[in-house]
Every structure is written in structure tokens, then in C-alpha cells.
Amino acid sequence: MASFSKNIDDVKLKTYEDVVAFYDLLSNTSLELGLTKPKIETHTQFYIGKISCVCKNYEEFVENAYGADSFKIIALDFFIYDGSNRVVYIGYIGLGRVSASADSRVMLEKFLLQLQKEQKMIKNRNQVSSQHIVDSVVINGSGNIVANNGGNVVTKEMEKKNRVKDFFLGVLENITSNLIWYILTFAAGLLLAYLTTR
């Protein structure tokens, strides 16, 4: 029986998070292939430090690889099944390329097209959320005024005043207020003296 394969160039698998994201991508893709009973099986081999670990399913992989120091992938095998029939195989050997293979050219094409579609949807979602965050912030001037894009920002320009002028204005205000109190006190004293002498 003939078998067909093709490299998937835009998938990089280096970290634990890369493997988890790729598994989620394959899960979403398998659900859209028109399979009656889609199922994914995984076999993973990786290093934790200098120790090699082999896991026979995804849950086992998560249990042993999550949070591990010095995680390094050796090999990954993903099998997409329709019930008990394997329809697509995706493989990766460390530092190599991810490749997909199937016994049917039609299924291989359908899988690769759906995978691209799912990748574009994820990329567009990420771009929209990044754009939304960028669009919602406005920063003005060296005073770093921050507001949302729909809000109004009113800035006050701080006037540069002459410090000497401020000093003399303060002294003048103090003298004026003292003079006013002196006059009021003197006038009150005169009024009181006038009233008492009468």
C-alpha cells in the first residue's frame, strides 16, 4: 500500500509548551476532518536533565514533563485515528522537521489544509488581542498620562515661574497682609478710644 508524507515547515517543537500547543492544534484539526470517531494517540520521548523518559500517552507526558528542568525533546509521534483506523501520522525527531504522512493523498491534503486553517485562526486571534491591547492605551508627553483610547485626556501645561519673582511676591503678600491687620487694629483702637471718651 502506498504512503504519502510532507514536511510541516512552520511548526517548531522545542519546549514543553510547544508540544502542548501542537497537541491542542492537532486535536482541533482532527475534529474538523469529518471523521466519525476522531481520536489522537501520542508517544513521546524526551530528556529531563540526563534522564530519558518515554510516555505512551498524552496524559503521561503532561504528568512527567510539566515543570521539568532541562526538558529536551528526543522524538514525538502523534497518531490521528477514526475509530480504530489510523488516518494520519505526525512525527518529529529532535532537531529535525515535523512531518505528516497518510495512506491517502486526499486525507493528507485535507489534514494539511485544515492544519493551516487552524494555525491562521490562532494567529489572527493573537493579533487581534495584541492589537486590542495596543489600541486601548494612549500615552502623552513626558508626564506619562495614560488613558483608554475612547477617553478624553486634558493636559495642563505647567508654567515655568521665576523663583526670584515668586519670592518677592510672597514677601509683598506678607507685608500687605500685615499692613492691613495693622490698619484694622489701629482703626479699632481709635474707635474704642472714641466710644470710651464719650
Protein backbone atom coordinates (compact mmCIF):
# COMPACT_ATOMS: atom_id res chain seq x y z
CA MET A 1 0.00 0.00 0.00
CA ALA A 2 1.30 3.47 -0.90
CA SER A 3 2.07 6.06 1.79
CA PHE A 4 2.45 9.81 1.32
CA SER A 5 4.22 12.34 3.54
CA LYS A 6 5.02 16.03 3.65
CA ASN A 7 7.06 18.26 5.98
CA ILE A 8 5.23 20.83 8.11
CA ASP A 9 7.77 23.63 7.99
CA ASP A 10 6.12 26.25 10.20
CA VAL A 11 5.91 24.09 13.35
CA LYS A 12 8.78 24.28 15.84
CA LEU A 13 8.85 21.88 18.78
CA LYS A 14 11.49 22.76 21.36
CA THR A 15 9.75 23.32 24.68
CA TYR A 16 7.06 21.59 26.72
CA GLU A 17 4.69 24.46 25.89
CA ASP A 18 5.33 23.95 22.15
CA VAL A 19 4.29 20.28 22.44
CA VAL A 20 1.13 21.14 24.40
CA ALA A 21 0.15 23.85 21.89
CA PHE A 22 0.79 21.47 18.98
CA TYR A 23 -1.30 18.74 20.61
CA ASP A 24 -4.18 21.22 21.04
CA LEU A 25 -3.76 22.27 17.39
CA LEU A 26 -3.91 18.62 16.26
CA SER A 27 -6.97 17.99 18.45
CA ASN A 28 -8.83 20.92 16.87
CA THR A 29 -7.71 19.85 13.39
CA SER A 30 -8.82 16.22 13.88
CA LEU A 31 -12.31 17.37 14.91
CA GLU A 32 -12.67 19.21 11.57
CA LEU A 33 -11.57 16.37 9.28
CA GLY A 34 -15.06 14.82 9.03
CA LEU A 35 -14.04 11.70 10.98
CA THR A 36 -16.82 9.75 12.70
CA LYS A 37 -14.78 8.93 15.85
CA PRO A 38 -11.68 11.16 15.92
CA LYS A 39 -9.02 10.17 18.45
CA ILE A 40 -5.37 11.13 18.97
CA GLU A 41 -2.72 8.86 20.43
CA THR A 42 0.77 10.07 21.33
CA HIS A 43 4.15 8.53 22.04
CA THR A 44 6.79 10.90 23.37
CA GLN A 45 10.42 10.54 24.32
CA PHE A 46 12.32 13.36 25.99
CA TYR A 47 15.14 14.18 28.37
CA ILE A 48 14.71 15.51 31.87
CA GLY A 49 18.26 16.58 32.58
CA LYS A 50 20.31 13.48 31.69
CA ILE A 51 17.44 11.03 32.19
CA SER A 52 15.43 9.83 29.19
CA CYS A 53 11.67 9.36 29.63
CA VAL A 54 9.23 7.56 27.30
CA CYS A 55 5.49 8.23 27.63
CA LYS A 56 2.84 6.20 25.83
CA ASN A 57 0.01 8.74 26.02
CA TYR A 58 -0.55 12.50 26.35
CA GLU A 59 -1.66 12.43 30.00
CA GLU A 60 1.51 10.56 30.95
CA PHE A 61 3.56 13.14 29.03
CA VAL A 62 1.96 16.05 30.90
CA GLU A 63 2.40 14.29 34.24
CA ASN A 64 6.12 13.68 33.68
CA ALA A 65 7.20 16.69 31.61
CA TYR A 66 5.28 19.61 33.14
CA GLY A 67 7.61 21.87 35.09
CA ALA A 68 10.63 19.62 34.47
CA ASP A 69 14.05 21.26 34.44
CA SER A 70 16.23 20.84 31.35
CA PHE A 71 13.38 19.47 29.21
CA LYS A 72 14.57 18.40 25.74
CA ILE A 73 12.56 16.53 23.12
CA ILE A 74 14.02 13.39 21.56
CA ALA A 75 11.05 12.18 19.47
CA LEU A 76 7.29 12.68 19.19
CA ASP A 77 4.68 10.55 17.44
CA PHE A 78 1.06 11.67 17.02
CA PHE A 79 -1.50 9.29 15.52
CA ILE A 80 -4.92 10.52 14.40
CA TYR A 81 -7.49 7.73 14.31
CA ASP A 82 -11.00 7.42 13.00
CA GLY A 83 -12.29 4.78 15.39
CA SER A 84 -9.67 2.02 15.09
CA ASN A 85 -8.30 3.13 11.68
CA ARG A 86 -5.18 5.29 11.67
CA VAL A 87 -5.67 8.06 9.10
CA VAL A 88 -2.74 10.45 9.74
CA TYR A 89 0.66 10.08 11.41
CA ILE A 90 2.68 13.12 12.52
CA GLY A 91 6.29 12.56 13.57
CA TYR A 92 9.21 14.55 14.89
CA ILE A 93 12.75 13.55 15.74
CA GLY A 94 14.66 16.14 17.80
CA LEU A 95 16.25 18.95 15.77
CA GLY A 96 14.54 17.60 12.66
CA ARG A 97 11.35 18.61 10.95
CA VAL A 98 7.77 17.78 11.76
CA SER A 99 6.27 15.64 9.03
CA ALA A 100 2.80 14.28 8.36
CA SER A 101 2.00 11.09 6.49
CA ALA A 102 -1.10 9.22 5.42
CA ASP A 103 -2.04 6.28 3.24
CA SER A 104 -4.30 8.57 1.19
CA ARG A 105 -3.15 11.67 -0.66
CA VAL A 106 -6.65 13.09 -0.25
CA MET A 107 -6.54 12.65 3.55
CA LEU A 108 -3.03 14.12 3.73
CA GLU A 109 -4.12 17.18 1.76
CA LYS A 110 -7.29 17.56 3.82
CA PHE A 111 -5.29 17.32 7.05
CA LEU A 112 -2.63 19.84 5.95
CA LEU A 113 -5.21 22.34 4.70
CA GLN A 114 -7.20 22.10 7.94
CA LEU A 115 -3.99 22.41 10.00
CA GLN A 116 -3.11 25.61 8.12
CA LYS A 117 -6.62 26.93 8.67
CA GLU A 118 -6.41 26.25 12.43
CA GLN A 119 -2.96 27.91 12.59
CA LYS A 120 -4.28 31.02 10.83
CA MET A 121 -7.23 31.23 13.23
CA ILE A 122 -4.87 31.08 16.21
CA LYS A 123 -2.54 33.65 14.65
CA ASN A 124 -5.45 36.00 13.88
CA ARG A 125 -6.80 35.63 17.41
CA ASN A 126 -3.39 36.51 18.85
CA GLN A 127 -3.01 39.51 16.52
CA VAL A 128 -6.49 40.81 17.37
CA SER A 129 -5.87 40.59 21.12
CA SER A 130 -2.45 42.24 20.73
CA GLN A 131 -3.96 44.99 18.56
CA HIS A 132 -6.77 45.50 21.07
CA ILE A 133 -4.29 45.97 23.89
CA VAL A 134 -2.15 48.38 21.86
CA ASP A 135 -5.17 50.38 20.67
CA SER A 136 -6.62 50.79 24.13
CA VAL A 137 -3.71 52.77 25.59
CA VAL A 138 -2.75 56.37 24.88
CA ILE A 139 0.40 57.85 26.41
CA ASN A 140 1.02 61.58 26.08
CA GLY A 141 4.07 63.69 26.80
CA SER A 142 6.79 63.37 29.35
CA GLY A 143 4.23 63.45 32.16
CA ASN A 144 3.13 59.93 31.03
CA ILE A 145 -0.60 60.45 31.08
CA VAL A 146 -2.33 57.13 30.38
CA ALA A 147 -5.95 56.71 29.31
CA ASN A 148 -8.01 54.35 27.19
CA ASN A 149 -8.46 55.17 23.52
CA GLY A 150 -12.08 56.27 23.97
CA GLY A 151 -11.34 58.58 26.90
CA ASN A 152 -10.54 62.26 26.88
CA VAL A 153 -7.16 63.42 28.06
CA VAL A 154 -6.82 67.01 29.20
CA THR A 155 -3.30 68.11 29.95
CA LYS A 156 -2.27 71.15 31.93
CA GLU A 157 0.87 72.83 30.89
CA MET A 158 2.89 73.67 33.95
CA GLU A 159 4.06 77.25 33.83
CA LYS A 160 7.69 77.89 34.46
CA LYS A 161 7.86 80.63 37.01
CA ASN A 162 10.77 82.72 38.05
CA ARG A 163 11.79 81.71 41.57
CA VAL A 164 13.02 85.21 42.45
CA LYS A 165 9.70 86.68 41.35
CA ASP A 166 7.86 84.08 43.48
CA PHE A 167 9.99 85.01 46.50
CA PHE A 168 9.27 88.74 46.19
CA LEU A 169 5.55 88.13 45.58
CA GLY A 170 5.43 86.07 48.78
CA VAL A 171 7.20 88.83 50.75
CA LEU A 172 4.89 91.51 49.26
CA GLU A 173 1.78 89.46 50.15
CA ASN A 174 3.06 89.05 53.70
CA ILE A 175 3.78 92.79 54.11
CA THR A 176 0.38 93.68 52.63
CA SER A 177 -1.50 91.35 54.96
CA ASN A 178 0.46 92.67 57.97
CA LEU A 179 -0.23 96.27 56.91
CA ILE A 180 -3.96 95.55 56.58
CA TRP A 181 -4.04 94.00 60.07
CA TYR A 182 -2.08 96.96 61.46
CA ILE A 183 -4.55 99.44 59.92
CA LEU A 184 -7.57 97.44 61.15
CA THR A 185 -6.11 97.20 64.65
CA PHE A 186 -5.29 100.95 64.69
CA ALA A 187 -8.81 101.81 63.44
CA ALA A 188 -10.40 99.54 66.05
CA GLY A 189 -8.26 101.17 68.74
CA LEU A 190 -9.34 104.68 67.64
CA LEU A 191 -13.00 103.63 67.57
CA LEU A 192 -12.75 102.09 71.01
CA ALA A 193 -11.00 105.23 72.38
CA TYR A 194 -13.67 107.45 70.82
CA LEU A 195 -16.51 105.40 72.30
CA THR A 196 -14.98 105.29 75.77
CA THR A 197 -14.31 109.07 75.91
CA ARG A 198 -17.88 109.97 75.12
